[in-house]
Amino acid sequence: MGLTVFVVLVVLAAGLEAVLPRRARPSHPAPEPEDLSFLLRSGLTPIRGYAEILAERVRPEDQRMVRAIEHHAERLTGLADRL
């Protein structure tokens, strides 16, 4: 299960990296809200996909964690849709 958590954290970090402005590059303006929405949804797509794959592979007692990932990914997608 440790590998599962690691994979989810890596995907989340990659998604956040795409959304958060980089301080090292001040020449890049902050993304517009509609761009943020697109970037956030793009980062959440693989998270939902990996959660679906994990749901098929994890033990039944670990399904609660996968459902939590799916739930929060859907919640964040809804927030992105409202941006």
C-alpha atoms as a PDB file:
ATOM      1  CA  MET A   1       0.000   0.000   0.000  1.00  0.00           C
ATOM      2  CA  GLY A   2       3.013   2.276   0.525  1.00  0.00           C
ATOM      3  CA  LEU A   3       3.682   2.310  -3.219  1.00  0.00           C
ATOM      4  CA  THR A   4       0.065   3.268  -3.857  1.00  0.00           C
ATOM      5  CA  VAL A   5       0.308   6.267  -1.568  1.00  0.00           C
ATOM      6  CA  PHE A   6       3.616   7.258  -3.167  1.00  0.00           C
ATOM      7  CA  VAL A   7       2.116   7.140  -6.673  1.00  0.00           C
ATOM      8  CA  VAL A   8      -0.845   9.262  -5.621  1.00  0.00           C
ATOM      9  CA  LEU A   9       1.424  11.821  -3.955  1.00  0.00           C
ATOM     10  CA  VAL A  10       3.635  12.048  -7.054  1.00  0.00           C
ATOM     11  CA  VAL A  11       0.632  12.625  -9.282  1.00  0.00           C
ATOM     12  CA  LEU A  12      -0.760  15.247  -6.890  1.00  0.00           C
ATOM     13  CA  ALA A  13       2.600  17.027  -6.782  1.00  0.00           C
ATOM     14  CA  ALA A  14       2.790  17.065 -10.575  1.00  0.00           C
ATOM     15  CA  GLY A  15      -0.696  18.519 -10.780  1.00  0.00           C
ATOM     16  CA  LEU A  16       0.075  21.191  -8.212  1.00  0.00           C
ATOM     17  CA  GLU A  17       3.309  22.086  -9.966  1.00  0.00           C
ATOM     18  CA  ALA A  18       1.335  22.789 -13.124  1.00  0.00           C
ATOM     19  CA  VAL A  19      -1.156  24.999 -11.274  1.00  0.00           C
ATOM     20  CA  LEU A  20       0.990  26.967  -8.856  1.00  0.00           C
ATOM     21  CA  PRO A  21       2.921  29.952 -10.203  1.00  0.00           C
ATOM     22  CA  ARG A  22       6.685  29.555 -10.155  1.00  0.00           C
ATOM     23  CA  ARG A  23       8.636  32.139  -8.195  1.00  0.00           C
ATOM     24  CA  ALA A  24      11.790  31.361 -10.135  1.00  0.00           C
ATOM     25  CA  ARG A  25      10.173  32.719 -13.289  1.00  0.00           C
ATOM     26  CA  PRO A  26       8.745  36.155 -12.499  1.00  0.00           C
ATOM     27  CA  SER A  27       8.404  36.925 -16.211  1.00  0.00           C
ATOM     28  CA  HIS A  28       5.420  34.570 -16.408  1.00  0.00           C
ATOM     29  CA  PRO A  29       2.157  36.258 -15.426  1.00  0.00           C
ATOM     30  CA  ALA A  30      -0.229  34.478 -13.093  1.00  0.00           C
ATOM     31  CA  PRO A  31      -2.645  32.244 -15.006  1.00  0.00           C
ATOM     32  CA  GLU A  32      -6.145  33.520 -15.678  1.00  0.00           C
ATOM     33  CA  PRO A  33      -8.978  31.767 -13.792  1.00  0.00           C
ATOM     34  CA  GLU A  34     -10.087  29.846 -16.882  1.00  0.00           C
ATOM     35  CA  ASP A  35      -6.498  28.680 -17.398  1.00  0.00           C
ATOM     36  CA  LEU A  36      -6.292  27.605 -13.758  1.00  0.00           C
ATOM     37  CA  SER A  37      -9.455  25.606 -14.209  1.00  0.00           C
ATOM     38  CA  PHE A  38      -8.000  23.828 -17.233  1.00  0.00           C
ATOM     39  CA  LEU A  39      -4.674  23.169 -15.507  1.00  0.00           C
ATOM     40  CA  LEU A  40      -6.347  21.857 -12.386  1.00  0.00           C
ATOM     41  CA  ARG A  41      -8.674  19.549 -14.315  1.00  0.00           C
ATOM     42  CA  SER A  42      -5.731  18.331 -16.409  1.00  0.00           C
ATOM     43  CA  GLY A  43      -3.851  17.421 -13.242  1.00  0.00           C
ATOM     44  CA  LEU A  44      -6.875  15.697 -11.746  1.00  0.00           C
ATOM     45  CA  THR A  45      -7.514  13.493 -14.782  1.00  0.00           C
ATOM     46  CA  PRO A  46      -4.588  11.142 -14.127  1.00  0.00           C
ATOM     47  CA  ILE A  47      -5.384  11.106 -10.413  1.00  0.00           C
ATOM     48  CA  ARG A  48      -8.889   9.852 -11.183  1.00  0.00           C
ATOM     49  CA  GLY A  49      -7.443   7.339 -13.655  1.00  0.00           C
ATOM     50  CA  TYR A  50      -4.891   6.009 -11.186  1.00  0.00           C
ATOM     51  CA  ALA A  51      -7.567   5.793  -8.493  1.00  0.00           C
ATOM     52  CA  GLU A  52      -9.676   3.702 -10.862  1.00  0.00           C
ATOM     53  CA  ILE A  53      -6.751   1.356 -11.503  1.00  0.00           C
ATOM     54  CA  LEU A  54      -5.969   1.144  -7.791  1.00  0.00           C
ATOM     55  CA  ALA A  55      -9.603   0.334  -7.005  1.00  0.00           C
ATOM     56  CA  GLU A  56      -9.242  -2.809  -9.087  1.00  0.00           C
ATOM     57  CA  ARG A  57      -5.950  -3.863  -7.492  1.00  0.00           C
ATOM     58  CA  VAL A  58      -6.042  -3.044  -3.780  1.00  0.00           C
ATOM     59  CA  ARG A  59      -7.276  -5.274  -1.014  1.00  0.00           C
ATOM     60  CA  PRO A  60     -10.898  -4.821   0.021  1.00  0.00           C
ATOM     61  CA  GLU A  61      -9.841  -3.280   3.334  1.00  0.00           C
ATOM     62  CA  ASP A  62      -7.950  -0.559   1.421  1.00  0.00           C
ATOM     63  CA  GLN A  63     -10.901   0.418  -0.765  1.00  0.00           C
ATOM     64  CA  ARG A  64     -11.801   3.175   1.701  1.00  0.00           C
ATOM     65  CA  MET A  65      -8.594   5.032   0.818  1.00  0.00           C
ATOM     66  CA  VAL A  66      -9.267   4.704  -2.901  1.00  0.00           C
ATOM     67  CA  ARG A  67     -12.817   5.999  -2.428  1.00  0.00           C
ATOM     68  CA  ALA A  68     -11.403   8.976  -0.514  1.00  0.00           C
ATOM     69  CA  ILE A  69      -9.026   9.760  -3.395  1.00  0.00           C
ATOM     70  CA  GLU A  70     -11.879   9.493  -5.888  1.00  0.00           C
ATOM     71  CA  HIS A  71     -14.166  11.630  -3.736  1.00  0.00           C
ATOM     72  CA  HIS A  72     -11.644  14.423  -3.302  1.00  0.00           C
ATOM     73  CA  ALA A  73     -10.637  14.341  -6.961  1.00  0.00           C
ATOM     74  CA  GLU A  74     -14.292  14.762  -7.924  1.00  0.00           C
ATOM     75  CA  ARG A  75     -14.715  17.561  -5.384  1.00  0.00           C
ATOM     76  CA  LEU A  76     -11.672  19.394  -6.754  1.00  0.00           C
ATOM     77  CA  THR A  77     -12.940  18.895 -10.302  1.00  0.00           C
ATOM     78  CA  GLY A  78     -16.211  20.554  -9.268  1.00  0.00           C
ATOM     79  CA  LEU A  79     -14.282  23.466  -7.790  1.00  0.00           C
ATOM     80  CA  ALA A  80     -12.242  23.790 -10.983  1.00  0.00           C
ATOM     81  CA  ASP A  81     -15.447  23.821 -13.036  1.00  0.00           C
ATOM     82  CA  ARG A  82     -16.696  26.767 -10.980  1.00  0.00           C
ATOM     83  CA  LEU A  83     -13.560  28.894 -11.525  1.00  0.00           C
END
